[in-house]
Every structure is written in structure tokens, then in C-alpha cells.
Full PDB file with SEQRES, HELIX, SHEET, SSBOND, CRYST1, ORIGX, SCALE, CONECT and MASTER records, all heavy atoms in Angstrom:
SEQRES   1 A   43  GLN GLN ASN VAL GLU ASP ALA VAL LYS GLU MET GLN LYS          
SEQRES   2 A   43  PRO LEU ALA ARG TYR ILE ASP ASP GLN ASP LEU ASP ARG          
SEQRES   3 A   43  MET LEU ARG GLU GLN GLU ARG GLU GLY ASP PRO MET ALA          
SEQRES   4 A   43  ALA LEU ILE LYS                                              
HELIX    1 AA1 GLN A    2  GLN A   12  1                                  11    
HELIX    2 AA2 GLN A   22  GLU A   30  1                                   9    
HELIX    3 AA3 ALA A   39  ILE A   42  1                                   4    
CRYST1    1.000    1.000    1.000  90.00  90.00  90.00 P 1           1          
ORIGX1      1.000000  0.000000  0.000000        0.00000                         
ORIGX2      0.000000  1.000000  0.000000        0.00000                         
ORIGX3      0.000000  0.000000  1.000000        0.00000                         
SCALE1      1.000000  0.000000  0.000000        0.00000                         
SCALE2      0.000000  1.000000  0.000000        0.00000                         
SCALE3      0.000000  0.000000  1.000000        0.00000                         
ATOM      1  N   GLN A   1     214.801-142.618  99.740  1.00  0.00           N  
ATOM      2  CA  GLN A   1     213.465-142.131 100.093  1.00  0.00           C  
ATOM      3  C   GLN A   1     213.423-140.599 100.009  1.00  0.00           C  
ATOM      4  O   GLN A   1     212.454-140.023  99.493  1.00  0.00           O  
ATOM      5  CB  GLN A   1     213.099-142.602 101.513  1.00  0.00           C  
ATOM      6  CG  GLN A   1     211.710-142.234 101.953  1.00  0.00           C  
ATOM      7  CD  GLN A   1     210.645-142.968 101.178  1.00  0.00           C  
ATOM      8  OE1 GLN A   1     210.877-144.057 100.681  1.00  0.00           O  
ATOM      9  NE2 GLN A   1     209.482-142.370 101.057  1.00  0.00           N  
ATOM     10  N   GLN A   2     214.489-139.945 100.491  1.00  0.00           N  
ATOM     11  CA  GLN A   2     214.565-138.481 100.425  1.00  0.00           C  
ATOM     12  C   GLN A   2     214.579-138.007  98.978  1.00  0.00           C  
ATOM     13  O   GLN A   2     213.913-137.029  98.624  1.00  0.00           O  
ATOM     14  CB  GLN A   2     215.820-137.997 101.166  1.00  0.00           C  
ATOM     15  CG  GLN A   2     215.952-136.495 101.241  1.00  0.00           C  
ATOM     16  CD  GLN A   2     214.847-135.860 102.066  1.00  0.00           C  
ATOM     17  OE1 GLN A   2     214.429-136.419 103.065  1.00  0.00           O  
ATOM     18  NE2 GLN A   2     214.361-134.716 101.650  1.00  0.00           N  
ATOM     19  N   ASN A   3     215.339-138.718  98.129  1.00  0.00           N  
ATOM     20  CA  ASN A   3     215.398-138.361  96.713  1.00  0.00           C  
ATOM     21  C   ASN A   3     214.031-138.484  96.057  1.00  0.00           C  
ATOM     22  O   ASN A   3     213.632-137.630  95.252  1.00  0.00           O  
ATOM     23  CB  ASN A   3     216.409-139.246  95.974  1.00  0.00           C  
ATOM     24  CG  ASN A   3     217.830-138.951  96.386  1.00  0.00           C  
ATOM     25  OD1 ASN A   3     218.104-137.919  97.002  1.00  0.00           O  
ATOM     26  ND2 ASN A   3     218.745-139.852  96.073  1.00  0.00           N  
ATOM     27  N   VAL A   4     213.301-139.553  96.402  1.00  0.00           N  
ATOM     28  CA  VAL A   4     211.952-139.737  95.838  1.00  0.00           C  
ATOM     29  C   VAL A   4     211.034-138.609  96.286  1.00  0.00           C  
ATOM     30  O   VAL A   4     210.283-138.042  95.476  1.00  0.00           O  
ATOM     31  CB  VAL A   4     211.386-141.118  96.251  1.00  0.00           C  
ATOM     32  CG1 VAL A   4     209.911-141.225  95.936  1.00  0.00           C  
ATOM     33  CG2 VAL A   4     212.166-142.237  95.577  1.00  0.00           C  
ATOM     34  N   GLU A   5     211.100-138.269  97.584  1.00  0.00           N  
ATOM     35  CA  GLU A   5     210.259-137.179  98.088  1.00  0.00           C  
ATOM     36  C   GLU A   5     210.604-135.856  97.413  1.00  0.00           C  
ATOM     37  O   GLU A   5     209.713-135.080  97.063  1.00  0.00           O  
ATOM     38  CB  GLU A   5     210.419-137.066  99.602  1.00  0.00           C  
ATOM     39  CG  GLU A   5     209.767-138.187 100.375  1.00  0.00           C  
ATOM     40  CD  GLU A   5     210.078-138.128 101.852  1.00  0.00           C  
ATOM     41  OE1 GLU A   5     210.673-137.123 102.310  1.00  0.00           O  
ATOM     42  OE2 GLU A   5     209.724-139.093 102.559  1.00  0.00           O  
ATOM     43  N   ASP A   6     211.902-135.604  97.235  1.00  0.00           N  
ATOM     44  CA  ASP A   6     212.322-134.374  96.554  1.00  0.00           C  
ATOM     45  C   ASP A   6     211.822-134.349  95.121  1.00  0.00           C  
ATOM     46  O   ASP A   6     211.371-133.309  94.624  1.00  0.00           O  
ATOM     47  CB  ASP A   6     213.847-134.237  96.580  1.00  0.00           C  
ATOM     48  CG  ASP A   6     214.379-133.936  97.973  1.00  0.00           C  
ATOM     49  OD1 ASP A   6     213.563-133.554  98.844  1.00  0.00           O  
ATOM     50  OD2 ASP A   6     215.593-134.106  98.186  1.00  0.00           O  
ATOM     51  N   ALA A   7     211.900-135.503  94.453  1.00  0.00           N  
ATOM     52  CA  ALA A   7     211.452-135.571  93.060  1.00  0.00           C  
ATOM     53  C   ALA A   7     209.946-135.318  92.963  1.00  0.00           C  
ATOM     54  O   ALA A   7     209.474-134.585  92.085  1.00  0.00           O  
ATOM     55  CB  ALA A   7     211.796-136.929  92.460  1.00  0.00           C  
ATOM     56  N   VAL A   8     209.183-135.898  93.892  1.00  0.00           N  
ATOM     57  CA  VAL A   8     207.723-135.679  93.894  1.00  0.00           C  
ATOM     58  C   VAL A   8     207.421-134.209  94.155  1.00  0.00           C  
ATOM     59  O   VAL A   8     206.543-133.606  93.511  1.00  0.00           O  
ATOM     60  CB  VAL A   8     207.052-136.587  94.959  1.00  0.00           C  
ATOM     61  CG1 VAL A   8     205.611-136.176  95.200  1.00  0.00           C  
ATOM     62  CG2 VAL A   8     207.134-138.042  94.550  1.00  0.00           C  
ATOM     63  N   LYS A   9     208.162-133.610  95.080  1.00  0.00           N  
ATOM     64  CA  LYS A   9     207.973-132.197  95.405  1.00  0.00           C  
ATOM     65  C   LYS A   9     208.276-131.316  94.182  1.00  0.00           C  
ATOM     66  O   LYS A   9     207.546-130.367  93.890  1.00  0.00           O  
ATOM     67  CB  LYS A   9     208.906-131.843  96.565  1.00  0.00           C  
ATOM     68  CG  LYS A   9     208.642-130.531  97.223  1.00  0.00           C  
ATOM     69  CD  LYS A   9     209.554-130.432  98.436  1.00  0.00           C  
ATOM     70  CE  LYS A   9     209.478-129.074  99.067  1.00  0.00           C  
ATOM     71  NZ  LYS A   9     210.426-128.947 100.166  1.00  0.00           N  
ATOM     72  N   GLU A  10     209.352-131.675  93.476  1.00  0.00           N  
ATOM     73  CA  GLU A  10     209.719-130.900  92.284  1.00  0.00           C  
ATOM     74  C   GLU A  10     208.710-131.090  91.161  1.00  0.00           C  
ATOM     75  O   GLU A  10     208.449-130.158  90.399  1.00  0.00           O  
ATOM     76  CB  GLU A  10     211.117-131.309  91.793  1.00  0.00           C  
ATOM     77  CG  GLU A  10     212.241-130.886  92.716  1.00  0.00           C  
ATOM     78  CD  GLU A  10     212.377-129.383  92.849  1.00  0.00           C  
ATOM     79  OE1 GLU A  10     212.172-128.665  91.850  1.00  0.00           O  
ATOM     80  OE2 GLU A  10     212.665-128.918  93.968  1.00  0.00           O  
ATOM     81  N   MET A  11     208.126-132.289  91.056  1.00  0.00           N  
ATOM     82  CA  MET A  11     207.146-132.535  89.997  1.00  0.00           C  
ATOM     83  C   MET A  11     205.876-131.733  90.215  1.00  0.00           C  
ATOM     84  O   MET A  11     205.174-131.405  89.255  1.00  0.00           O  
ATOM     85  CB  MET A  11     206.808-134.030  89.926  1.00  0.00           C  
ATOM     86  CG  MET A  11     207.849-134.857  89.215  1.00  0.00           C  
ATOM     87  SD  MET A  11     207.298-136.515  88.879  1.00  0.00           S  
ATOM     88  CE  MET A  11     207.494-137.292  90.460  1.00  0.00           C  
ATOM     89  N   GLN A  12     205.560-131.436  91.455  1.00  0.00           N  
ATOM     90  CA  GLN A  12     204.339-130.695  91.741  1.00  0.00           C  
ATOM     91  C   GLN A  12     204.487-129.205  91.445  1.00  0.00           C  
ATOM     92  O   GLN A  12     203.487-128.495  91.346  1.00  0.00           O  
ATOM     93  CB  GLN A  12     203.947-130.900  93.203  1.00  0.00           C  
ATOM     94  CG  GLN A  12     203.477-132.309  93.487  1.00  0.00           C  
ATOM     95  CD  GLN A  12     203.250-132.553  94.953  1.00  0.00           C  
ATOM     96  OE1 GLN A  12     203.630-131.745  95.789  1.00  0.00           O  
ATOM     97  NE2 GLN A  12     202.640-133.685  95.280  1.00  0.00           N  
ATOM     98  N   LYS A  13     205.720-128.739  91.285  1.00  0.00           N  
ATOM     99  CA  LYS A  13     205.946-127.327  90.986  1.00  0.00           C  
ATOM    100  C   LYS A  13     205.720-127.083  89.496  1.00  0.00           C  
ATOM    101  O   LYS A  13     205.824-127.994  88.680  1.00  0.00           O  
ATOM    102  CB  LYS A  13     207.378-126.944  91.357  1.00  0.00           C  
ATOM    103  CG  LYS A  13     207.631-126.963  92.845  1.00  0.00           C  
ATOM    104  CD  LYS A  13     209.031-126.564  93.127  1.00  0.00           C  
ATOM    105  CE  LYS A  13     209.292-126.636  94.629  1.00  0.00           C  
ATOM    106  NZ  LYS A  13     210.658-126.327  94.952  1.00  0.00           N  
ATOM    107  N   PRO A  14     205.436-125.856  89.157  1.00  0.00           N  
ATOM    108  CA  PRO A  14     205.243-125.561  87.735  1.00  0.00           C  
ATOM    109  C   PRO A  14     206.569-125.710  86.977  1.00  0.00           C  
ATOM    110  O   PRO A  14     207.653-125.621  87.549  1.00  0.00           O  
ATOM    111  CB  PRO A  14     204.756-124.110  87.729  1.00  0.00           C  
ATOM    112  CG  PRO A  14     205.196-123.554  89.031  1.00  0.00           C  
ATOM    113  CD  PRO A  14     205.233-124.688  89.997  1.00  0.00           C  
ATOM    114  N   LEU A  15     206.456-125.911  85.669  1.00  0.00           N  
ATOM    115  CA  LEU A  15     207.641-126.136  84.853  1.00  0.00           C  
ATOM    116  C   LEU A  15     208.490-124.873  84.768  1.00  0.00           C  
ATOM    117  O   LEU A  15     209.719-124.933  84.841  1.00  0.00           O  
ATOM    118  CB  LEU A  15     207.230-126.592  83.446  1.00  0.00           C  
ATOM    119  CG  LEU A  15     208.363-126.994  82.533  1.00  0.00           C  
ATOM    120  CD1 LEU A  15     209.135-128.156  83.126  1.00  0.00           C  
ATOM    121  CD2 LEU A  15     207.862-127.333  81.161  1.00  0.00           C  
ATOM    122  N   ALA A  16     207.867-123.729  84.632  1.00  0.00           N  
ATOM    123  CA  ALA A  16     208.608-122.470  84.536  1.00  0.00           C  
ATOM    124  C   ALA A  16     208.991-122.009  85.941  1.00  0.00           C  
ATOM    125  O   ALA A  16     208.139-121.846  86.806  1.00  0.00           O  
ATOM    126  CB  ALA A  16     207.756-121.412  83.851  1.00  0.00           C  
ATOM    127  N   ARG A  17     210.286-121.799  86.198  1.00  0.00           N  
ATOM    128  CA  ARG A  17     210.768-121.329  87.492  1.00  0.00           C  
ATOM    129  C   ARG A  17     211.187-119.877  87.329  1.00  0.00           C  
ATOM    130  O   ARG A  17     212.017-119.554  86.495  1.00  0.00           O  
ATOM    131  CB  ARG A  17     211.971-122.155  87.959  1.00  0.00           C  
ATOM    132  CG  ARG A  17     211.815-123.665  87.898  1.00  0.00           C  
ATOM    133  CD  ARG A  17     211.166-124.325  89.082  1.00  0.00           C  
ATOM    134  NE  ARG A  17     211.674-124.093  90.377  1.00  0.00           N  
ATOM    135  CZ  ARG A  17     212.444-124.924  91.067  1.00  0.00           C  
ATOM    136  NH1 ARG A  17     212.877-126.028  90.520  1.00  0.00           N  
ATOM    137  NH2 ARG A  17     212.791-124.648  92.279  1.00  0.00           N  
ATOM    138  N   TYR A  18     210.628-119.012  88.152  1.00  0.00           N  
ATOM    139  CA  TYR A  18     210.921-117.590  88.052  1.00  0.00           C  
ATOM    140  C   TYR A  18     212.006-117.198  89.037  1.00  0.00           C  
ATOM    141  O   TYR A  18     212.390-117.956  89.916  1.00  0.00           O  
ATOM    142  CB  TYR A  18     209.645-116.778  88.291  1.00  0.00           C  
ATOM    143  CG  TYR A  18     208.593-117.078  87.240  1.00  0.00           C  
ATOM    144  CD1 TYR A  18     207.500-117.868  87.542  1.00  0.00           C  
ATOM    145  CD2 TYR A  18     208.739-116.583  85.941  1.00  0.00           C  
ATOM    146  CE1 TYR A  18     206.554-118.163  86.582  1.00  0.00           C  
ATOM    147  CE2 TYR A  18     207.784-116.873  84.974  1.00  0.00           C  
ATOM    148  CZ  TYR A  18     206.702-117.663  85.294  1.00  0.00           C  
ATOM    149  OH  TYR A  18     205.785-117.954  84.338  1.00  0.00           O  
ATOM    150  N   ILE A  19     212.470-115.969  88.964  1.00  0.00           N  
ATOM    151  CA  ILE A  19     213.577-115.489  89.781  1.00  0.00           C  
ATOM    152  C   ILE A  19     213.200-115.368  91.248  1.00  0.00           C  
ATOM    153  O   ILE A  19     214.071-115.449  92.126  1.00  0.00           O  
ATOM    154  CB  ILE A  19     214.100-114.139  89.219  1.00  0.00           C  
ATOM    155  CG1 ILE A  19     215.494-113.879  89.755  1.00  0.00           C  
ATOM    156  CG2 ILE A  19     213.154-113.006  89.573  1.00  0.00           C  
ATOM    157  CD1 ILE A  19     216.289-112.936  88.913  1.00  0.00           C  
ATOM    158  N   ASP A  20     211.921-115.242  91.540  1.00  0.00           N  
ATOM    159  CA  ASP A  20     211.503-115.109  92.934  1.00  0.00           C  
ATOM    160  C   ASP A  20     211.138-116.447  93.574  1.00  0.00           C  
ATOM    161  O   ASP A  20     210.521-116.489  94.640  1.00  0.00           O  
ATOM    162  CB  ASP A  20     210.323-114.132  93.042  1.00  0.00           C  
ATOM    163  CG  ASP A  20     209.102-114.613  92.270  1.00  0.00           C  
ATOM    164  OD1 ASP A  20     209.270-115.494  91.406  1.00  0.00           O  
ATOM    165  OD2 ASP A  20     208.004-114.109  92.538  1.00  0.00           O  
ATOM    166  N   ASP A  21     211.536-117.559  92.953  1.00  0.00           N  
ATOM    167  CA  ASP A  21     211.280-118.893  93.518  1.00  0.00           C  
ATOM    168  C   ASP A  21     212.217-119.115  94.701  1.00  0.00           C  
ATOM    169  O   ASP A  21     213.434-119.200  94.551  1.00  0.00           O  
ATOM    170  CB  ASP A  21     211.518-119.959  92.445  1.00  0.00           C  
ATOM    171  CG  ASP A  21     211.058-121.329  92.907  1.00  0.00           C  
ATOM    172  OD1 ASP A  21     210.610-121.441  94.063  1.00  0.00           O  
ATOM    173  OD2 ASP A  21     211.149-122.286  92.111  1.00  0.00           O  
ATOM    174  N   GLN A  22     211.647-119.216  95.901  1.00  0.00           N  
ATOM    175  CA  GLN A  22     212.446-119.307  97.124  1.00  0.00           C  
ATOM    176  C   GLN A  22     213.187-120.644  97.232  1.00  0.00           C  
ATOM    177  O   GLN A  22     214.331-120.690  97.681  1.00  0.00           O  
ATOM    178  CB  GLN A  22     211.562-119.111  98.349  1.00  0.00           C  
ATOM    179  CG  GLN A  22     211.028-117.702  98.461  1.00  0.00           C  
ATOM    180  CD  GLN A  22     210.090-117.551  99.636  1.00  0.00           C  
ATOM    181  OE1 GLN A  22     209.748-118.530 100.286  1.00  0.00           O  
ATOM    182  NE2 GLN A  22     209.674-116.328  99.906  1.00  0.00           N  
ATOM    183  N   ASP A  23     212.552-121.736  96.826  1.00  0.00           N  
ATOM    184  CA  ASP A  23     213.207-123.049  96.907  1.00  0.00           C  
ATOM    185  C   ASP A  23     214.436-123.098  96.013  1.00  0.00           C  
ATOM    186  O   ASP A  23     215.492-123.580  96.422  1.00  0.00           O  
ATOM    187  CB  ASP A  23     212.246-124.168  96.492  1.00  0.00           C  
ATOM    188  CG  ASP A  23     211.141-124.374  97.511  1.00  0.00           C  
ATOM    189  OD1 ASP A  23     211.349-123.994  98.678  1.00  0.00           O  
ATOM    190  OD2 ASP A  23     210.095-124.933  97.136  1.00  0.00           O  
ATOM    191  N   LEU A  24     214.308-122.598  94.801  1.00  0.00           N  
ATOM    192  CA  LEU A  24     215.438-122.592  93.868  1.00  0.00           C  
ATOM    193  C   LEU A  24     216.560-121.706  94.412  1.00  0.00           C  
ATOM    194  O   LEU A  24     217.733-122.090  94.369  1.00  0.00           O  
ATOM    195  CB  LEU A  24     214.973-122.096  92.498  1.00  0.00           C  
ATOM    196  CG  LEU A  24     216.057-121.983  91.423  1.00  0.00           C  
ATOM    197  CD1 LEU A  24     216.644-123.354  91.120  1.00  0.00           C  
ATOM    198  CD2 LEU A  24     215.502-121.351  90.167  1.00  0.00           C  
ATOM    199  N   ASP A  25     216.181-120.540  94.932  1.00  0.00           N  
ATOM    200  CA  ASP A  25     217.185-119.616  95.487  1.00  0.00           C  
ATOM    201  C   ASP A  25     217.928-120.255  96.661  1.00  0.00           C  
ATOM    202  O   ASP A  25     219.159-120.198  96.731  1.00  0.00           O  
ATOM    203  CB  ASP A  25     216.487-118.321  95.935  1.00  0.00           C  
ATOM    204  CG  ASP A  25     217.488-117.268  96.349  1.00  0.00           C  
ATOM    205  OD1 ASP A  25     218.485-117.077  95.630  1.00  0.00           O  
ATOM    206  OD2 ASP A  25     217.279-116.660  97.420  1.00  0.00           O  
ATOM    207  N   ARG A  26     217.186-120.903  97.591  1.00  0.00           N  
ATOM    208  CA  ARG A  26     217.817-121.548  98.736  1.00  0.00           C  
ATOM    209  C   ARG A  26     218.729-122.684  98.297  1.00  0.00           C  
ATOM    210  O   ARG A  26     219.835-122.841  98.811  1.00  0.00           O  
ATOM    211  CB  ARG A  26     216.740-122.089  99.683  1.00  0.00           C  
ATOM    212  CG  ARG A  26     217.303-122.572 101.008  1.00  0.00           C  
ATOM    213  CD  ARG A  26     216.270-123.098 101.996  1.00  0.00           C  
ATOM    214  NE  ARG A  26     215.040-122.346 102.061  1.00  0.00           N  
ATOM    215  CZ  ARG A  26     213.858-122.773 101.627  1.00  0.00           C  
ATOM    216  NH1 ARG A  26     213.762-123.959 101.062  1.00  0.00           N  
ATOM    217  NH2 ARG A  26     212.777-122.041 101.741  1.00  0.00           N  
ATOM    218  N   MET A  27     218.266-123.481  97.312  1.00  0.00           N  
ATOM    219  CA  MET A  27     219.080-124.593  96.829  1.00  0.00           C  
ATOM    220  C   MET A  27     220.382-124.089  96.212  1.00  0.00           C  
ATOM    221  O   MET A  27     221.469-124.629  96.475  1.00  0.00           O  
ATOM    222  CB  MET A  27     218.295-125.400  95.794  1.00  0.00           C  
ATOM    223  CG  MET A  27     219.025-126.627  95.275  1.00  0.00           C  
ATOM    224  SD  MET A  27     218.160-127.435  93.920  1.00  0.00           S  
ATOM    225  CE  MET A  27     218.424-126.269  92.594  1.00  0.00           C  
ATOM    226  N   LEU A  28     220.300-123.013  95.422  1.00  0.00           N  
ATOM    227  CA  LEU A  28     221.508-122.475  94.788  1.00  0.00           C  
ATOM    228  C   LEU A  28     222.452-121.872  95.819  1.00  0.00           C  
ATOM    229  O   LEU A  28     223.675-121.967  95.693  1.00  0.00           O  
ATOM    230  CB  LEU A  28     221.123-121.427  93.739  1.00  0.00           C  
ATOM    231  CG  LEU A  28     220.410-121.976  92.499  1.00  0.00           C  
ATOM    232  CD1 LEU A  28     219.952-120.831  91.602  1.00  0.00           C  
ATOM    233  CD2 LEU A  28     221.298-122.932  91.731  1.00  0.00           C  
ATOM    234  N   ARG A  29     221.899-121.257  96.872  1.00  0.00           N  
ATOM    235  CA  ARG A  29     222.754-120.663  97.904  1.00  0.00           C  
ATOM    236  C   ARG A  29     223.465-121.740  98.732  1.00  0.00           C  
ATOM    237  O   ARG A  29     224.596-121.546  99.166  1.00  0.00           O  
ATOM    238  CB  ARG A  29     221.928-119.775  98.840  1.00  0.00           C  
ATOM    239  CG  ARG A  29     221.553-118.451  98.235  1.00  0.00           C  
ATOM    240  CD  ARG A  29     220.666-117.688  99.206  1.00  0.00           C  
ATOM    241  NE  ARG A  29     220.122-116.495  98.608  1.00  0.00           N  
ATOM    242  CZ  ARG A  29     220.666-115.296  98.724  1.00  0.00           C  
ATOM    243  NH1 ARG A  29     221.779-115.143  99.411  1.00  0.00           N  
ATOM    244  NH2 ARG A  29     220.110-114.259  98.155  1.00  0.00           N  
ATOM    245  N   GLU A  30     222.791-122.862  98.972  1.00  0.00           N  
ATOM    246  CA  GLU A  30     223.387-123.909  99.787  1.00  0.00           C  
ATOM    247  C   GLU A  30     224.440-124.725  99.049  1.00  0.00           C  
ATOM    248  O   GLU A  30     225.218-125.421  99.674  1.00  0.00           O  
ATOM    249  CB  GLU A  30     222.291-124.837 100.317  1.00  0.00           C  
ATOM    250  CG  GLU A  30     221.451-124.194 101.396  1.00  0.00           C  
ATOM    251  CD  GLU A  30     220.308-125.082 101.846  1.00  0.00           C  
ATOM    252  OE1 GLU A  30     220.129-126.186 101.274  1.00  0.00           O  
ATOM    253  OE2 GLU A  30     219.581-124.670 102.770  1.00  0.00           O  
ATOM    254  N   GLN A  31     224.465-124.649  97.748  1.00  0.00           N  
ATOM    255  CA  GLN A  31     225.474-125.388  96.991  1.00  0.00           C  
ATOM    256  C   GLN A  31     226.858-124.824  97.274  1.00  0.00           C  
ATOM    257  O   GLN A  31     227.045-123.612  97.321  1.00  0.00           O  
ATOM    258  CB  GLN A  31     225.203-125.297  95.486  1.00  0.00           C  
ATOM    259  CG  GLN A  31     224.115-126.204  94.995  1.00  0.00           C  
ATOM    260  CD  GLN A  31     223.903-126.068  93.501  1.00  0.00           C  
ATOM    261  OE1 GLN A  31     224.560-125.262  92.841  1.00  0.00           O  
ATOM    262  NE2 GLN A  31     222.989-126.850  92.977  1.00  0.00           N  
ATOM    263  N   GLU A  32     227.811-125.746  97.477  1.00  0.00           N  
ATOM    264  CA  GLU A  32     229.194-125.325  97.674  1.00  0.00           C  
ATOM    265  C   GLU A  32     229.938-125.526  96.367  1.00  0.00           C  
ATOM    266  O   GLU A  32     229.947-126.616  95.812  1.00  0.00           O  
ATOM    267  CB  GLU A  32     229.847-126.131  98.804  1.00  0.00           C  
ATOM    268  CG  GLU A  32     229.296-125.784 100.155  1.00  0.00           C  
ATOM    269  CD  GLU A  32     230.027-126.499 101.275  1.00  0.00           C  
ATOM    270  OE1 GLU A  32     231.149-126.986 101.029  1.00  0.00           O  
ATOM    271  OE2 GLU A  32     229.472-126.572 102.373  1.00  0.00           O  
ATOM    272  N   ARG A  33     230.579-124.452  95.908  1.00  0.00           N  
ATOM    273  CA  ARG A  33     231.308-124.526  94.646  1.00  0.00           C  
ATOM    274  C   ARG A  33     232.802-124.472  94.906  1.00  0.00           C  
ATOM    275  O   ARG A  33     233.257-123.822  95.844  1.00  0.00           O  
ATOM    276  CB  ARG A  33     230.881-123.376  93.742  1.00  0.00           C  
ATOM    277  CG  ARG A  33     229.410-123.489  93.334  1.00  0.00           C  
ATOM    278  CD  ARG A  33     228.982-122.261  92.541  1.00  0.00           C  
ATOM    279  NE  ARG A  33     227.564-122.273  92.281  1.00  0.00           N  
ATOM    280  CZ  ARG A  33     226.644-121.891  93.146  1.00  0.00           C  
ATOM    281  NH1 ARG A  33     226.992-121.449  94.338  1.00  0.00           N  
ATOM    282  NH2 ARG A  33     225.378-121.923  92.836  1.00  0.00           N  
ATOM    283  N   GLU A  34     233.529-125.134  94.052  1.00  0.00           N  
ATOM    284  CA  GLU A  34     234.981-125.162  94.190  1.00  0.00           C  
ATOM    285  C   GLU A  34     235.543-123.776  93.870  1.00  0.00           C  
ATOM    286  O   GLU A  34     235.142-123.124  92.908  1.00  0.00           O  
ATOM    287  CB  GLU A  34     235.566-126.195  93.227  1.00  0.00           C  
ATOM    288  CG  GLU A  34     237.018-126.469  93.471  1.00  0.00           C  
ATOM    289  CD  GLU A  34     237.542-127.564  92.567  1.00  0.00           C  
ATOM    290  OE1 GLU A  34     236.736-128.342  92.050  1.00  0.00           O  
ATOM    291  OE2 GLU A  34     238.759-127.618  92.396  1.00  0.00           O  
ATOM    292  N   GLY A  35     236.449-123.330  94.710  1.00  0.00           N  
ATOM    293  CA  GLY A  35     237.090-122.033  94.482  1.00  0.00           C  
ATOM    294  C   GLY A  35     236.270-120.850  94.965  1.00  0.00           C  
ATOM    295  O   GLY A  35     236.584-119.707  94.610  1.00  0.00           O  
ATOM    296  N   ASP A  36     235.245-121.091  95.757  1.00  0.00           N  
ATOM    297  CA  ASP A  36     234.422-119.997  96.266  1.00  0.00           C  
ATOM    298  C   ASP A  36     235.163-119.306  97.411  1.00  0.00           C  
ATOM    299  O   ASP A  36     235.459-119.924  98.422  1.00  0.00           O  
ATOM    300  CB  ASP A  36     233.080-120.562  96.765  1.00  0.00           C  
ATOM    301  CG  ASP A  36     232.099-119.478  97.150  1.00  0.00           C  
ATOM    302  OD1 ASP A  36     232.446-118.285  97.020  1.00  0.00           O  
ATOM    303  OD2 ASP A  36     230.980-119.824  97.576  1.00  0.00           O  
ATOM    304  N   PRO A  37     235.486-118.001  97.287  1.00  0.00           N  
ATOM    305  CA  PRO A  37     236.256-117.323  98.328  1.00  0.00           C  
ATOM    306  C   PRO A  37     235.458-117.105  99.618  1.00  0.00           C  
ATOM    307  O   PRO A  37     236.034-116.985 100.691  1.00  0.00           O  
ATOM    308  CB  PRO A  37     236.635-115.983  97.690  1.00  0.00           C  
ATOM    309  CG  PRO A  37     235.651-115.781  96.603  1.00  0.00           C  
ATOM    310  CD  PRO A  37     235.228-117.124  96.135  1.00  0.00           C  
ATOM    311  N   MET A  38     234.139-117.070  99.547  1.00  0.00           N  
ATOM    312  CA  MET A  38     233.311-116.822 100.732  1.00  0.00           C  
ATOM    313  C   MET A  38     232.909-118.108 101.453  1.00  0.00           C  
ATOM    314  O   MET A  38     232.298-118.045 102.521  1.00  0.00           O  
ATOM    315  CB  MET A  38     232.047-116.058 100.329  1.00  0.00           C  
ATOM    316  CG  MET A  38     232.300-114.645  99.859  1.00  0.00           C  
ATOM    317  SD  MET A  38     232.941-113.611 101.164  1.00  0.00           S  
ATOM    318  CE  MET A  38     231.509-113.400 102.160  1.00  0.00           C  
ATOM    319  N   ALA A  39     233.233-119.268 100.870  1.00  0.00           N  
ATOM    320  CA  ALA A  39     232.766-120.537 101.452  1.00  0.00           C  
ATOM    321  C   ALA A  39     233.310-120.723 102.866  1.00  0.00           C  
ATOM    322  O   ALA A  39     232.579-121.157 103.769  1.00  0.00           O  
ATOM    323  CB  ALA A  39     233.177-121.703 100.564  1.00  0.00           C  
ATOM    324  N   ALA A  40     234.590-120.415 103.080  1.00  0.00           N  
ATOM    325  CA  ALA A  40     235.189-120.605 104.408  1.00  0.00           C  
ATOM    326  C   ALA A  40     234.519-119.704 105.440  1.00  0.00           C  
ATOM    327  O   ALA A  40     234.241-120.125 106.572  1.00  0.00           O  
ATOM    328  CB  ALA A  40     236.685-120.328 104.342  1.00  0.00           C  
ATOM    329  N   LEU A  41     234.248-118.448 105.071  1.00  0.00           N  
ATOM    330  CA  LEU A  41     233.604-117.510 105.980  1.00  0.00           C  
ATOM    331  C   LEU A  41     232.192-117.977 106.346  1.00  0.00           C  
ATOM    332  O   LEU A  41     231.784-117.911 107.517  1.00  0.00           O  
ATOM    333  CB  LEU A  41     233.561-116.120 105.346  1.00  0.00           C  
ATOM    334  CG  LEU A  41     232.958-115.023 106.212  1.00  0.00           C  
ATOM    335  CD1 LEU A  41     233.851-114.767 107.416  1.00  0.00           C  
ATOM    336  CD2 LEU A  41     232.789-113.751 105.407  1.00  0.00           C  
ATOM    337  N   ILE A  42     231.465-118.467 105.350  1.00  0.00           N  
ATOM    338  CA  ILE A  42     230.094-118.927 105.604  1.00  0.00           C  
ATOM    339  C   ILE A  42     230.109-120.156 106.517  1.00  0.00           C  
ATOM    340  O   ILE A  42     229.294-120.266 107.441  1.00  0.00           O  
ATOM    341  CB  ILE A  42     229.378-119.230 104.269  1.00  0.00           C  
ATOM    342  CG1 ILE A  42     229.141-117.916 103.515  1.00  0.00           C  
ATOM    343  CG2 ILE A  42     228.062-119.950 104.508  1.00  0.00           C  
ATOM    344  CD1 ILE A  42     228.623-118.090 102.117  1.00  0.00           C  
ATOM    345  N   LYS A  43     231.062-121.061 106.275  1.00  0.00           N  
ATOM    346  CA  LYS A  43     231.171-122.243 107.139  1.00  0.00           C  
ATOM    347  C   LYS A  43     231.469-121.834 108.577  1.00  0.00           C  
ATOM    348  O   LYS A  43     230.913-122.378 109.531  1.00  0.00           O  
ATOM    349  CB  LYS A  43     232.289-123.165 106.635  1.00  0.00           C  
ATOM    350  CG  LYS A  43     231.872-124.112 105.553  1.00  0.00           C  
ATOM    351  CD  LYS A  43     233.018-125.047 105.254  1.00  0.00           C  
ATOM    352  CE  LYS A  43     232.709-125.909 104.043  1.00  0.00           C  
ATOM    353  NZ  LYS A  43     233.835-126.773 103.679  1.00  0.00           N  
TER     354      LYS A  43                                                      
MASTER        0    0    0    3    0    0    0    6  353    1    0    4          
END                                                                             
């Protein structure tokens, strides 16, 4: 259900995503990447 809601939310956004898009920025910041030296500090 959450995935469907997220997909509907994303479909309502414009196709072109600019650098000042807050949702995209927050999503990229929350992603945890392997080998990230700051991940432990943030946790």
C-alpha cells in the first residue's frame, strides 16, 4: 500500500526533476550506501 501511494505521489510530480527538488534531495540523503564513512556518525 505504501509503495502504491509513493508511486501515485511520484506520478503527480512533473517529469523533469530540478536540483532544488526537496523530496528528491531528502530521498537521496536518507539512502545508506555501502562504504560511506559518515554513515556511522549519522546513525
